[in-house]
Every structure is written in structure tokens, then in C-alpha cells.
Amino acid sequence: MAKNLGQQMSQNMSCKTVFITATDTDAGKTYVSVMLLQGLKQLNQQVIAVKPIAAGGLEVSGHMANENSDALLLQQHSSNALPHSWHNPLFFQQPVAPHLAAALSQQPINEAVLNHSLQQWQQHPADVCVIEGAGGWLLPLNNKRYLADWVAEHKLAVIVVIGVKLGCLNHAMLTLREIERSGCKIVGWVANCVDPHMLLLEQNIQDLQQRISQPCLAVLPFQPCTQLSTKDSDPTHPTHNSAYAEQAKQLATAVMALL
């Protein structure tokens, strides 16, 4: 039944939808998502960005708020910010794996909430909807289900962020093979350099390009501010320089050609 619902909702969608996953936590999903949003807006696209599931609240004046920093960034960089619960329907305060946070709070992850939210997102009057996952591809929802199952049932196109560091070749190939096995369309992948001291960096990226059949959408150099702040009005912030803007536009152009 879930598969039929996913097919029906996909047929009814009014905007292009892409799901951002990664090889691991802290590989740079939010950084890449925000860059893609910035680039799409340069292409005069109306965009919305959401994070279906988030764990870990934003610290405000020494207290933990009931909002996630990644979700807030996606809300901030959408063309039209809607209520935060719309951008992040399932939130858990503890900064741990969401299914464990759900168990701690005795609030199981409800896929019906995700289905309803997806329908809202896809029917929103925008050109592109960017959905950022949590953790890696096989993020558990409960003892049996993974977020990947939900993505596959709704036939969402996927972009993979590869955190380029020691071990990324194995992590990348495992992730891509599993996505291919699910039947999801892989739009492409982004090499995000997260280790400034990585040995043989260029050779590793070349190795990834040789092994992966899907297109490399971008190679992003190490950026100490990849953990973006919701207070990014500082002109020294990476999103405010011309090189970043050009990279964002190139990424968005590549994605739009493949969606």
C-alpha cells in the first residue's frame, strides 16, 4: 500500500524533488543543500528545502530550543519560509540517532507524518523541493524500516554527498550500491573535502570519478565554515563570496539538467 501511495503522490507533484543523502553524518549534506538552494535561486528558481527528521536542538542562550540548526538553515534559504514544523515535521531533542531519540521520548517515528508532509511539499508552488536526509542512507526509522525504504517507495531522485576523507572510497561505493539496489535514480554525487590534511586528495577524487558511473556534480574544497551558522550575515561567511556563488550556480545548473 505504501508503494502505491508513493507512486500516486509522485504523479501529483507540482515541483521537482531531490533527496540529499551522504556517506556519513557530517559529510556536508546541509552545506551542499544550502549551496544548491543558493544556486537555484540564481537561476530564478523558486525553492523550498526541508528536513523530514532531525535530532538535536539548537542551543540558544544556554538552553536547548525545540528547533534543529540544519532545519533552520533550510528554512532560512528557502524562497518562502513557512512555519518551522513544516520544514521539519519530526524533531527530537536528543542529538542521537533519531530512532533511538524517538524511543527515549516514547514517540515512535510515524511514517504517516512523513507521507503527509511529502504531499504538502510536492504540491507547494515551487520549482524545486530539496529534501535533506539525516545521517547516511540507511538511517533506521525503527527495528525494521529505514529512511531509505521511504525514499525508494516515493521514487525520489537522490544526490549523494561524499565526505572526502580516509575511508571515503569504501563508504561511497557501499552507499551508491545500496541506492542502486533500491531502484532510486541517482542524479549524481558531490565530493565535499572535509579533511584539509588528507593525503593524496586529488588521487582519491580521481579514483571516485573512475569508479562511479553517475556524474560528479561538484568538487568542493575544504571550507572551515561548512558547519554553517544560522547567523550567516557576516560578509566573510562562505556564502558571501563570488567563488562560492559561481560554484553554487554551476552545481544548480548541473542538477537541473539531470532532474
Protein backbone atom coordinates (compact mmCIF):
# COMPACT_ATOMS: atom_id res chain seq x y z
CA MET A 1 0.00 0.00 0.00
CA ALA A 2 2.85 2.38 0.87
CA LYS A 3 4.35 1.86 -2.58
CA ASN A 4 1.06 2.68 -4.30
CA LEU A 5 0.71 5.81 -2.17
CA GLY A 6 4.25 6.86 -3.09
CA GLN A 7 3.56 6.39 -6.80
CA GLN A 8 0.29 8.34 -6.57
CA MET A 9 1.89 11.24 -4.71
CA SER A 10 4.83 11.35 -7.14
CA GLN A 11 2.41 11.60 -10.06
CA ASN A 12 0.62 14.53 -8.38
CA MET A 13 3.71 16.55 -7.53
CA SER A 14 3.93 20.04 -8.97
CA CYS A 15 7.63 20.66 -8.35
CA LYS A 16 10.83 18.75 -8.99
CA THR A 17 12.03 16.94 -5.89
CA VAL A 18 15.51 15.77 -4.94
CA PHE A 19 16.67 13.94 -1.81
CA ILE A 20 20.13 14.75 -0.41
CA THR A 21 21.89 11.88 1.34
CA ALA A 22 25.51 11.29 2.31
CA THR A 23 28.12 8.68 3.06
CA ASP A 24 28.02 9.55 6.74
CA THR A 25 26.99 12.06 9.37
CA ASP A 26 28.90 15.34 8.99
CA ALA A 27 29.75 14.68 5.34
CA GLY A 28 28.24 18.07 4.46
CA LYS A 29 24.59 17.47 3.50
CA THR A 30 23.42 20.83 4.83
CA TYR A 31 26.37 22.69 3.32
CA VAL A 32 25.66 21.19 -0.10
CA SER A 33 21.90 21.66 0.27
CA VAL A 34 22.31 25.35 1.05
CA MET A 35 24.76 25.77 -1.84
CA LEU A 36 22.26 24.10 -4.18
CA LEU A 37 19.48 26.40 -2.93
CA GLN A 38 21.65 29.47 -3.48
CA GLY A 39 22.48 28.33 -7.00
CA LEU A 40 18.88 27.51 -7.88
CA LYS A 41 17.81 30.98 -6.79
CA GLN A 42 20.48 32.45 -9.08
CA LEU A 43 18.73 30.52 -11.86
CA ASN A 44 15.46 32.22 -10.86
CA GLN A 45 14.01 29.04 -9.43
CA GLN A 46 11.55 29.17 -6.54
CA VAL A 47 12.86 26.69 -3.96
CA ILE A 48 11.76 25.05 -0.75
CA ALA A 49 14.02 22.98 1.47
CA VAL A 50 13.05 20.62 4.25
CA LYS A 51 14.48 18.12 6.70
CA PRO A 52 11.87 15.43 7.44
CA ILE A 53 13.64 14.06 10.52
CA ALA A 54 16.11 15.87 12.78
CA ALA A 55 17.65 15.06 16.14
CA GLY A 56 19.44 17.64 18.26
CA GLY A 57 18.16 21.04 19.31
CA LEU A 58 19.76 24.40 18.70
CA GLU A 59 21.39 25.94 21.77
CA VAL A 60 20.04 29.42 22.48
CA SER A 61 21.35 31.40 25.47
CA GLY A 62 22.46 28.22 27.19
CA HIS A 63 19.15 26.45 26.63
CA MET A 64 18.19 23.85 24.03
CA ALA A 65 15.47 25.10 21.70
CA ASN A 66 12.92 22.82 20.06
CA GLU A 67 14.45 23.55 16.67
CA ASN A 68 17.27 21.95 14.72
CA SER A 69 20.04 24.16 13.30
CA ASP A 70 20.17 22.33 9.95
CA ALA A 71 16.41 22.63 9.52
CA LEU A 72 16.58 26.33 10.39
CA LEU A 73 19.18 26.89 7.66
CA LEU A 74 16.99 25.13 5.12
CA GLN A 75 14.06 27.28 6.21
CA GLN A 76 16.18 30.43 6.01
CA HIS A 77 17.41 29.68 2.47
CA SER A 78 14.03 28.68 1.04
CA SER A 79 12.39 31.22 -1.25
CA ASN A 80 9.42 31.47 1.11
CA ALA A 81 9.93 30.40 4.70
CA LEU A 82 6.94 28.61 6.15
CA PRO A 83 6.37 27.54 9.78
CA HIS A 84 9.34 25.62 11.14
CA SER A 85 7.27 22.48 11.74
CA TRP A 86 6.54 22.48 8.01
CA HIS A 87 10.27 22.44 7.20
CA ASN A 88 10.99 19.85 9.92
CA PRO A 89 7.91 17.76 10.83
CA LEU A 90 9.71 15.22 13.06
CA PHE A 91 12.08 16.68 15.64
CA PHE A 92 13.78 15.01 18.62
CA GLN A 93 15.70 16.91 21.26
CA GLN A 94 18.49 14.40 21.90
CA PRO A 95 21.43 14.63 19.41
CA VAL A 96 21.50 10.89 18.74
CA ALA A 97 20.21 8.52 16.05
CA PRO A 98 16.58 9.59 15.52
CA HIS A 99 15.05 6.15 16.14
CA LEU A 100 16.87 6.00 19.49
CA ALA A 101 15.79 9.56 20.32
CA ALA A 102 12.24 8.55 19.40
CA ALA A 103 12.42 5.59 21.78
CA LEU A 104 13.76 7.80 24.58
CA SER A 105 10.90 10.24 24.14
CA GLN A 106 8.37 7.43 23.64
CA GLN A 107 7.34 8.99 20.32
CA PRO A 108 7.86 6.43 17.53
CA ILE A 109 8.71 7.84 14.10
CA ASN A 110 5.40 7.99 12.26
CA GLU A 111 5.74 7.49 8.51
CA ALA A 112 2.21 8.78 8.03
CA VAL A 113 3.54 12.18 9.10
CA LEU A 114 6.30 11.91 6.50
CA ASN A 115 3.82 10.91 3.79
CA HIS A 116 1.52 13.83 4.59
CA SER A 117 4.47 16.24 4.66
CA LEU A 118 5.80 15.00 1.34
CA GLN A 119 2.42 15.56 -0.25
CA GLN A 120 2.42 19.15 1.06
CA TRP A 121 5.97 19.79 -0.14
CA GLN A 122 5.39 18.41 -3.62
CA GLN A 123 2.17 20.37 -4.06
CA HIS A 124 3.76 23.61 -2.91
CA PRO A 125 4.03 26.26 -5.66
CA ALA A 126 7.80 25.99 -6.04
CA ASP A 127 10.03 24.85 -8.89
CA VAL A 128 12.30 22.62 -6.81
CA CYS A 129 11.95 20.93 -3.43
CA VAL A 130 15.20 19.91 -1.72
CA ILE A 131 14.76 17.23 0.95
CA GLU A 132 17.75 16.71 3.22
CA GLY A 133 18.09 13.34 4.91
CA ALA A 134 19.62 12.61 8.29
CA GLY A 135 22.85 10.69 8.84
CA GLY A 136 23.63 8.33 5.98
CA TRP A 137 21.48 6.41 3.50
CA LEU A 138 20.48 3.57 5.85
CA LEU A 139 19.16 5.73 8.68
CA PRO A 140 16.94 3.50 10.86
CA LEU A 141 13.34 4.57 11.48
CA ASN A 142 12.59 1.62 13.77
CA ASN A 143 13.65 -2.02 14.19
CA LYS A 144 12.64 -2.91 10.63
CA ARG A 145 12.40 0.20 8.47
CA TYR A 146 14.96 2.67 7.14
CA LEU A 147 14.56 6.18 5.76
CA ALA A 148 15.93 4.71 2.53
CA ASP A 149 12.82 2.50 2.29
CA TRP A 150 10.60 5.59 2.45
CA VAL A 151 12.68 7.40 -0.19
CA ALA A 152 12.56 4.38 -2.50
CA GLU A 153 8.80 3.91 -2.11
CA HIS A 154 8.26 7.51 -3.20
CA LYS A 155 10.76 7.16 -6.05
CA LEU A 156 12.69 10.29 -5.11
CA ALA A 157 15.74 11.26 -7.12
CA VAL A 158 18.91 11.22 -4.98
CA ILE A 159 22.10 13.26 -4.75
CA VAL A 160 24.93 11.72 -2.71
CA VAL A 161 27.33 13.89 -0.74
CA ILE A 162 30.65 12.10 -0.29
CA GLY A 163 32.66 13.39 2.64
CA VAL A 164 36.17 13.07 1.17
CA LYS A 165 38.42 11.71 3.90
CA LEU A 166 40.28 8.49 4.63
CA GLY A 167 37.82 5.64 4.08
CA CYS A 168 35.57 7.53 1.68
CA LEU A 169 36.14 5.12 -1.21
CA ASN A 170 34.59 2.26 0.73
CA HIS A 171 31.82 4.44 2.20
CA ALA A 172 30.96 5.87 -1.21
CA MET A 173 30.77 2.54 -3.03
CA LEU A 174 28.71 0.92 -0.27
CA THR A 175 26.27 3.85 -0.29
CA LEU A 176 25.94 4.03 -4.07
CA ARG A 177 25.48 0.28 -4.48
CA GLU A 178 22.74 0.28 -1.87
CA ILE A 179 20.95 3.21 -3.52
CA GLU A 180 21.19 1.47 -6.89
CA ARG A 181 19.79 -1.71 -5.32
CA SER A 182 16.81 0.31 -4.04
CA GLY A 183 15.91 1.38 -7.58
CA CYS A 184 16.20 5.11 -6.87
CA LYS A 185 17.57 7.39 -9.57
CA ILE A 186 20.97 8.77 -8.60
CA VAL A 187 21.19 12.27 -10.07
CA GLY A 188 24.88 12.49 -9.24
CA TRP A 189 27.32 12.98 -6.42
CA VAL A 190 29.25 15.78 -4.77
CA ALA A 191 32.79 15.38 -3.45
CA ASN A 192 32.96 17.52 -0.31
CA CYS A 193 36.50 17.74 1.05
CA VAL A 194 36.13 17.58 4.83
CA ASP A 195 39.74 16.80 5.79
CA PRO A 196 42.22 19.58 4.96
CA HIS A 197 45.16 17.27 5.72
CA MET A 198 44.08 14.28 3.64
CA LEU A 199 46.94 12.62 1.81
CA LEU A 200 46.56 12.00 -1.94
CA LEU A 201 43.38 14.08 -2.06
CA GLU A 202 43.34 14.54 -5.85
CA GLN A 203 44.10 10.86 -6.43
CA ASN A 204 41.20 9.86 -4.19
CA ILE A 205 38.79 12.12 -6.09
CA GLN A 206 40.07 10.76 -9.41
CA ASP A 207 39.56 7.24 -8.07
CA LEU A 208 35.96 8.05 -7.15
CA GLN A 209 35.35 9.54 -10.60
CA GLN A 210 36.72 6.40 -12.24
CA ARG A 211 34.62 4.02 -10.12
CA ILE A 212 31.29 5.87 -10.04
CA SER A 213 29.21 5.80 -13.21
CA GLN A 214 26.94 8.68 -12.18
CA PRO A 215 28.15 12.26 -12.86
CA CYS A 216 30.23 14.20 -10.37
CA LEU A 217 28.20 17.37 -9.86
CA ALA A 218 30.87 19.30 -7.96
CA VAL A 219 34.15 19.00 -6.10
CA LEU A 220 34.03 21.33 -3.11
CA PRO A 221 37.32 22.35 -1.48
CA PHE A 222 37.75 22.21 2.27
CA GLN A 223 35.85 25.01 3.91
CA PRO A 224 36.31 25.55 7.66
CA CYS A 225 32.80 27.00 7.83
CA THR A 226 30.94 24.03 6.37
CA GLN A 227 29.09 23.91 9.67
CA LEU A 228 27.07 26.92 8.63
CA SER A 229 25.56 29.19 11.22
CA THR A 230 22.00 30.42 11.07
CA LYS A 231 23.62 33.84 11.59
CA ASP A 232 25.45 33.98 8.26
CA SER A 233 25.03 37.69 7.56
CA ASP A 234 28.77 38.22 8.18
CA PRO A 235 30.29 39.21 4.79
CA THR A 236 33.26 36.89 5.48
CA HIS A 237 30.90 33.90 5.60
CA PRO A 238 31.50 31.46 2.69
CA THR A 239 28.06 32.08 1.19
CA HIS A 240 29.01 35.73 0.56
CA ASN A 241 31.96 35.38 -1.81
CA SER A 242 31.96 35.27 -5.60
CA ALA A 243 33.73 31.91 -5.87
CA TYR A 244 31.04 30.30 -3.72
CA ALA A 245 28.29 31.95 -5.77
CA GLU A 246 29.77 30.67 -9.03
CA GLN A 247 30.18 27.17 -7.61
CA ALA A 248 26.59 27.25 -6.38
CA LYS A 249 25.34 28.27 -9.82
CA GLN A 250 27.36 25.53 -11.54
CA LEU A 251 26.03 22.92 -9.11
CA ALA A 252 22.42 24.06 -9.62
CA THR A 253 22.83 24.10 -13.41
CA ALA A 254 24.19 20.54 -13.38
CA VAL A 255 21.36 19.31 -11.14
CA MET A 256 18.60 20.98 -13.16
CA ALA A 257 19.93 19.37 -16.35
CA LEU A 258 19.60 15.92 -14.77
CA LEU A 259 16.34 16.14 -12.79
